[in-house]
Protein backbone atom coordinates (compact mmCIF):
# COMPACT_ATOMS: atom_id res chain seq x y z
CA MET A 1 2.29 -14.22 -6.41
CA LYS A 2 3.52 -11.70 -8.95
CA VAL A 3 2.22 -8.11 -9.23
CA LYS A 4 0.61 -8.94 -12.60
CA ASP A 5 -1.33 -11.83 -10.99
CA LEU A 6 -2.63 -9.61 -8.18
CA ILE A 7 -3.63 -6.90 -10.67
CA LYS A 8 -5.51 -9.46 -12.77
CA GLN A 9 -7.48 -10.67 -9.74
CA LEU A 10 -8.21 -7.14 -8.51
CA LEU A 11 -9.37 -5.98 -11.94
CA GLU A 12 -12.15 -8.57 -11.79
CA LEU A 13 -13.57 -6.92 -8.65
CA ASP A 14 -15.69 -3.82 -8.15
CA HIS A 15 -13.08 -1.04 -8.08
CA GLU A 16 -14.92 0.71 -5.22
CA LEU A 17 -14.50 -2.18 -2.76
CA GLU A 18 -12.50 -1.48 0.40
CA ILE A 19 -9.40 -3.67 0.82
CA PHE A 20 -8.50 -5.35 4.11
CA MET A 21 -5.53 -7.47 5.11
CA SER A 22 -5.68 -10.50 7.36
CA SER A 23 -2.83 -12.28 9.07
CA ASP A 24 -4.24 -15.64 7.90
CA ALA A 25 -6.96 -17.30 5.79
CA GLU A 26 -9.24 -17.62 8.85
CA GLY A 27 -9.63 -13.84 9.09
CA ASN A 28 -7.63 -13.26 12.24
CA ARG A 29 -6.27 -9.76 12.85
CA ILE A 30 -8.09 -8.01 9.99
CA GLN A 31 -6.88 -4.48 9.27
CA SER A 32 -7.63 -1.79 6.70
CA ILE A 33 -4.92 -1.08 4.16
CA PRO A 34 -3.93 2.59 3.88
CA GLU A 35 -3.24 4.24 0.52
CA ASN A 36 0.51 4.20 1.18
CA CYS A 37 0.65 0.47 1.94
CA LEU A 38 3.57 -0.46 -0.31
CA SER A 39 7.06 -0.79 1.03
CA GLU A 40 10.02 0.09 -1.11
CA ILE A 41 11.33 -2.55 -3.50
CA SER A 42 13.11 -5.25 -1.54
CA ILE A 43 15.11 -8.40 -2.07
CA TYR A 44 14.16 -11.62 -0.36
CA ARG A 45 15.17 -15.19 0.40
CA LYS A 46 12.72 -18.05 1.01
CA ASP A 47 13.69 -21.06 3.08
CA GLY A 48 10.65 -23.31 3.42
CA ARG A 49 8.02 -21.22 5.21
CA GLU A 50 10.60 -18.67 6.39
CA ILE A 51 11.07 -15.48 4.37
CA ASP A 52 13.87 -12.97 4.96
CA ILE A 53 13.46 -9.58 3.28
CA TRP A 54 15.76 -6.55 3.00
CA SER A 55 14.99 -3.12 1.57
CA LEU A 56 17.12 -2.07 -1.39
CA ASN A 57 17.24 1.36 0.24
CA TRP A 58 19.26 -0.03 3.15
CA THR A 59 23.01 0.23 3.42
CA ALA A 60 25.14 -2.87 3.92
CA ASP A 61 25.42 -1.98 7.62
CA GLU A 62 21.64 -1.63 7.99
CA ALA A 63 21.18 -5.03 6.32
CA CYS A 64 23.92 -6.52 8.58
CA PHE A 65 26.19 -7.64 5.72
CA ASN A 66 29.60 -6.57 4.53
CA GLU A 67 29.62 -4.34 1.46
CA GLU A 68 30.73 -7.06 -0.99
CA ARG A 69 28.06 -9.55 0.15
CA TRP A 70 25.34 -6.87 0.16
CA GLU A 71 26.14 -5.81 -3.43
CA GLU A 72 26.10 -9.46 -4.54
CA MET A 73 22.73 -10.04 -2.86
CA LYS A 74 21.21 -6.93 -4.47
CA LYS A 75 22.21 -8.25 -7.90
CA THR A 76 21.23 -11.91 -7.46
CA TYR A 77 18.34 -12.21 -4.98
CA PRO A 78 14.76 -12.01 -6.29
CA LYS A 79 12.93 -8.70 -5.84
CA GLY A 80 9.54 -8.10 -4.29
CA VAL A 81 7.33 -5.56 -2.58
CA VAL A 82 5.61 -5.84 0.80
CA LEU A 83 2.02 -4.75 1.43
CA TYR A 84 1.40 -3.67 4.99
CA PRO A 85 -1.59 -2.31 6.92
């Protein structure tokens, strides 16, 4: 889902509704979402149901890549943001 798609869906709702996050569609592990629930902008890689994500604020060492590979990934991998409770 893109940010614009989420915004469109949220704009259709009452703006005073509380937002919760669930770990799955069945409502397991429901948690409130704090106001500062956005991570920094990240890059990611999807492989089937697996998703690997790395913060763009990380150094190559923190991301466990050499400098050349890390710079290439930052330029070519898709970008996203993580919501967390």
